[in-house]
Amino acid sequence: MKIYASEIRVGMLVEYKDDLWQVLKTQHVKPGKGGAFAQVEMKSVNKNTKLNERFRSSESIEKASLDETKFNYLYDDETDYFFMDPKSFEQINIKKDSVGEKGKLLTENLEVNISFYNEKPLTVDLPNQVTCTIQSTDVALKGQTVSSSYKPATLDNGINIQVPPFIESGDKIIVDTRTIEYIKKI
């Protein structure tokens, strides 16, 4: 599907120079002289290289067509995460380094969307919010205001985040999977 350069957004996958690229940064520039353009920083999905490219606003680029399928998370080993299609019970595995830090938020039977490009799994999209348990956190200091001060905490999956002072060890909280930040206490 062709899109104009002005429609390129962060996180998009585009086909360019016979490769698949994920958009990391995009900036629309309107210089005083000449036409407007989009400055785009991309990372190759296959070769793990980066590319800075400048596209005129009138130029079009091929957006990668991805197939999304719902899967349930099963388990992980040293190198891979394993998922199962709830309809066909087919299992697939995805390398841990391609999922990244968000893989620590996976819990058993969590439903995720996996994007495929030419039958190859590319990205794992977690639900926007997941429930986690606080493993340990510092004691809140008296006199701190609730609105401005956060304290460090470690979740049961090993991720470190900032939480409000009233949160204690053992509390269940909801975490935003896109930013890995505290949302609310349950």
Protein backbone atom coordinates (compact mmCIF):
# COMPACT_ATOMS: atom_id res chain seq x y z
CA MET A 1 0.00 0.00 0.00
CA LYS A 2 1.51 3.31 -1.07
CA ILE A 3 1.47 6.22 1.41
CA TYR A 4 2.78 9.76 1.13
CA ALA A 5 5.94 10.72 3.04
CA SER A 6 3.88 13.09 5.23
CA GLU A 7 1.86 10.08 6.49
CA ILE A 8 4.90 8.17 7.83
CA ARG A 9 4.61 7.58 11.60
CA VAL A 10 6.93 6.14 14.29
CA GLY A 11 6.60 2.36 14.58
CA MET A 12 5.40 1.87 11.00
CA LEU A 13 6.99 -0.81 8.83
CA VAL A 14 7.90 0.28 5.29
CA GLU A 15 9.43 -1.43 2.27
CA TYR A 16 12.35 0.60 0.93
CA LYS A 17 15.45 -0.35 -1.11
CA ASP A 18 14.44 -4.04 -1.22
CA ASP A 19 14.34 -4.34 2.58
CA LEU A 20 11.86 -4.02 5.44
CA TRP A 21 12.39 -0.98 7.71
CA GLN A 22 10.85 0.07 11.03
CA VAL A 23 10.45 3.83 11.48
CA LEU A 24 12.25 5.03 14.64
CA LYS A 25 11.94 8.83 14.26
CA THR A 26 10.18 11.12 11.84
CA GLN A 27 10.25 14.88 11.52
CA HIS A 28 8.30 16.99 9.04
CA VAL A 29 10.37 20.02 7.92
CA LYS A 30 9.16 23.09 6.02
CA PRO A 31 12.23 25.11 5.04
CA GLY A 32 11.88 28.76 4.04
CA LYS A 33 13.13 27.95 0.59
CA GLY A 34 12.12 24.85 -1.35
CA GLY A 35 9.49 22.19 -0.72
CA ALA A 36 8.56 20.49 2.54
CA PHE A 37 10.09 17.09 3.34
CA ALA A 38 10.04 14.34 5.94
CA GLN A 39 13.32 13.39 7.67
CA VAL A 40 12.96 9.73 8.65
CA GLU A 41 15.25 7.51 10.73
CA MET A 42 14.68 3.81 10.05
CA LYS A 43 16.09 0.50 11.28
CA SER A 44 16.32 -2.56 9.07
CA VAL A 45 14.32 -5.46 10.47
CA ASN A 46 16.51 -8.08 8.77
CA LYS A 47 20.04 -6.60 8.82
CA ASN A 48 19.79 -4.54 12.05
CA THR A 49 21.27 -1.45 10.35
CA LYS A 50 20.04 2.16 10.56
CA LEU A 51 19.29 4.59 7.77
CA ASN A 52 18.49 8.32 7.74
CA GLU A 53 16.49 9.25 4.67
CA ARG A 54 14.85 12.43 3.41
CA PHE A 55 11.57 12.12 1.47
CA ARG A 56 9.79 14.98 -0.31
CA SER A 57 6.19 15.37 0.92
CA SER A 58 4.85 14.51 -2.52
CA GLU A 59 6.89 11.26 -2.70
CA SER A 60 5.19 7.99 -1.93
CA ILE A 61 6.65 5.00 -0.12
CA GLU A 62 5.42 1.41 0.18
CA LYS A 63 3.90 0.59 3.60
CA ALA A 64 4.45 -3.08 4.48
CA SER A 65 1.28 -5.14 4.56
CA LEU A 66 1.24 -7.18 7.74
CA ASP A 67 -1.07 -9.98 8.83
CA GLU A 68 -2.08 -9.79 12.52
CA THR A 69 -3.10 -12.88 14.42
CA LYS A 70 -4.09 -13.36 18.06
CA PHE A 71 -1.91 -15.77 20.05
CA ASN A 72 -1.68 -16.85 23.70
CA TYR A 73 1.68 -16.74 25.46
CA LEU A 74 2.80 -20.16 26.72
CA TYR A 75 6.35 -20.10 28.13
CA ASP A 76 9.94 -19.07 27.43
CA ASP A 77 13.39 -20.65 27.42
CA GLU A 78 16.90 -19.14 27.26
CA THR A 79 16.49 -17.69 23.74
CA ASP A 80 12.80 -17.78 22.69
CA TYR A 81 9.23 -16.97 23.71
CA PHE A 82 6.59 -19.56 22.73
CA PHE A 83 3.03 -18.71 21.66
CA MET A 84 -0.02 -20.76 20.66
CA ASP A 85 -2.82 -19.93 18.21
CA PRO A 86 -6.03 -20.44 20.25
CA LYS A 87 -7.96 -21.61 17.14
CA SER A 88 -5.56 -24.04 15.48
CA PHE A 89 -3.38 -24.81 18.56
CA GLU A 90 -0.34 -24.26 16.32
CA GLN A 91 2.75 -23.15 18.27
CA ILE A 92 5.33 -20.59 17.16
CA ASN A 93 8.48 -19.21 18.77
CA ILE A 94 9.96 -15.72 18.56
CA LYS A 95 13.50 -14.70 19.59
CA LYS A 96 13.73 -12.81 22.89
CA ASP A 97 15.89 -10.04 21.43
CA SER A 98 13.20 -9.19 18.84
CA VAL A 99 10.53 -8.80 21.58
CA GLY A 100 12.82 -6.75 23.86
CA GLU A 101 12.16 -5.50 27.41
CA LYS A 102 8.38 -5.89 27.03
CA GLY A 103 8.81 -9.66 26.99
CA LYS A 104 9.21 -9.55 30.77
CA LEU A 105 5.57 -8.38 30.99
CA LEU A 106 4.31 -11.61 29.36
CA THR A 107 2.29 -13.85 31.69
CA GLU A 108 0.89 -17.31 31.03
CA ASN A 109 -2.13 -17.33 28.66
CA LEU A 110 -1.84 -13.56 28.01
CA GLU A 111 -3.48 -12.80 24.65
CA VAL A 112 -1.17 -10.87 22.31
CA ASN A 113 -1.29 -9.79 18.65
CA ILE A 114 1.59 -11.02 16.52
CA SER A 115 2.27 -9.31 13.19
CA PHE A 116 3.51 -11.48 10.33
CA TYR A 117 5.30 -10.36 7.18
CA ASN A 118 5.59 -13.03 4.46
CA GLU A 119 4.67 -15.75 7.01
CA LYS A 120 7.51 -14.65 9.33
CA PRO A 121 6.60 -13.33 12.82
CA LEU A 122 7.89 -9.78 13.28
CA THR A 123 6.37 -7.94 16.23
CA VAL A 124 4.47 -8.84 19.40
CA ASP A 125 1.86 -6.33 20.56
CA LEU A 126 0.85 -6.74 24.19
CA PRO A 127 -2.47 -5.45 25.54
CA ASN A 128 -2.15 -1.77 26.59
CA GLN A 129 -2.40 -2.68 30.29
CA VAL A 130 -1.26 -5.67 32.33
CA THR A 131 -1.49 -6.50 36.03
CA CYS A 132 1.77 -6.89 37.97
CA THR A 133 2.72 -7.42 41.62
CA ILE A 134 5.21 -5.24 43.49
CA GLN A 135 8.06 -7.46 44.72
CA SER A 136 9.91 -4.78 46.67
CA THR A 137 9.84 -1.02 47.12
CA ASP A 138 11.40 1.61 49.37
CA VAL A 139 9.54 3.00 52.37
CA ALA A 140 7.89 6.36 51.67
CA LEU A 141 9.53 9.30 53.45
CA LYS A 142 7.29 11.50 55.60
CA GLY A 143 6.69 15.01 54.36
CA GLN A 144 6.89 14.15 50.67
CA THR A 145 3.95 15.38 48.64
CA VAL A 146 1.95 12.69 46.87
CA SER A 147 1.62 14.58 43.59
CA SER A 148 5.27 15.14 42.74
CA SER A 149 7.27 12.35 44.35
CA TYR A 150 7.57 8.81 43.09
CA LYS A 151 9.75 6.06 44.52
CA PRO A 152 11.53 3.14 42.83
CA ALA A 153 9.94 -0.30 42.90
CA THR A 154 10.78 -3.74 41.49
CA LEU A 155 8.01 -5.82 39.93
CA ASP A 156 7.69 -9.60 40.26
CA ASN A 157 9.06 -9.93 36.69
CA GLY A 158 12.26 -7.98 37.50
CA ILE A 159 11.33 -4.66 35.83
CA ASN A 160 12.13 -1.49 37.78
CA ILE A 161 9.52 1.31 37.65
CA GLN A 162 8.53 4.43 39.59
CA VAL A 163 5.40 4.25 41.80
CA PRO A 164 3.57 6.67 44.13
CA PRO A 165 4.56 6.64 47.84
CA PHE A 166 1.39 4.80 49.02
CA ILE A 167 2.30 1.63 47.04
CA GLU A 168 3.87 -1.12 49.18
CA SER A 169 5.43 -4.55 48.58
CA GLY A 170 2.85 -7.17 47.60
CA ASP A 171 0.41 -4.63 46.07
CA LYS A 172 -1.10 -5.42 42.68
CA ILE A 173 -0.86 -2.60 40.15
CA ILE A 174 -1.72 -1.97 36.50
CA VAL A 175 1.22 -1.15 34.21
CA ASP A 176 1.04 0.51 30.77
CA THR A 177 2.88 -1.86 28.37
CA ARG A 178 3.68 0.88 25.83
CA THR A 179 5.63 3.08 28.26
CA ILE A 180 6.22 0.57 31.11
CA GLU A 181 4.82 3.04 33.66
CA TYR A 182 2.52 2.77 36.69
CA ILE A 183 -1.16 3.51 35.98
CA LYS A 184 -3.12 2.58 39.11
CA LYS A 185 -3.38 0.31 42.13
CA ILE A 186 -5.92 -2.53 42.13
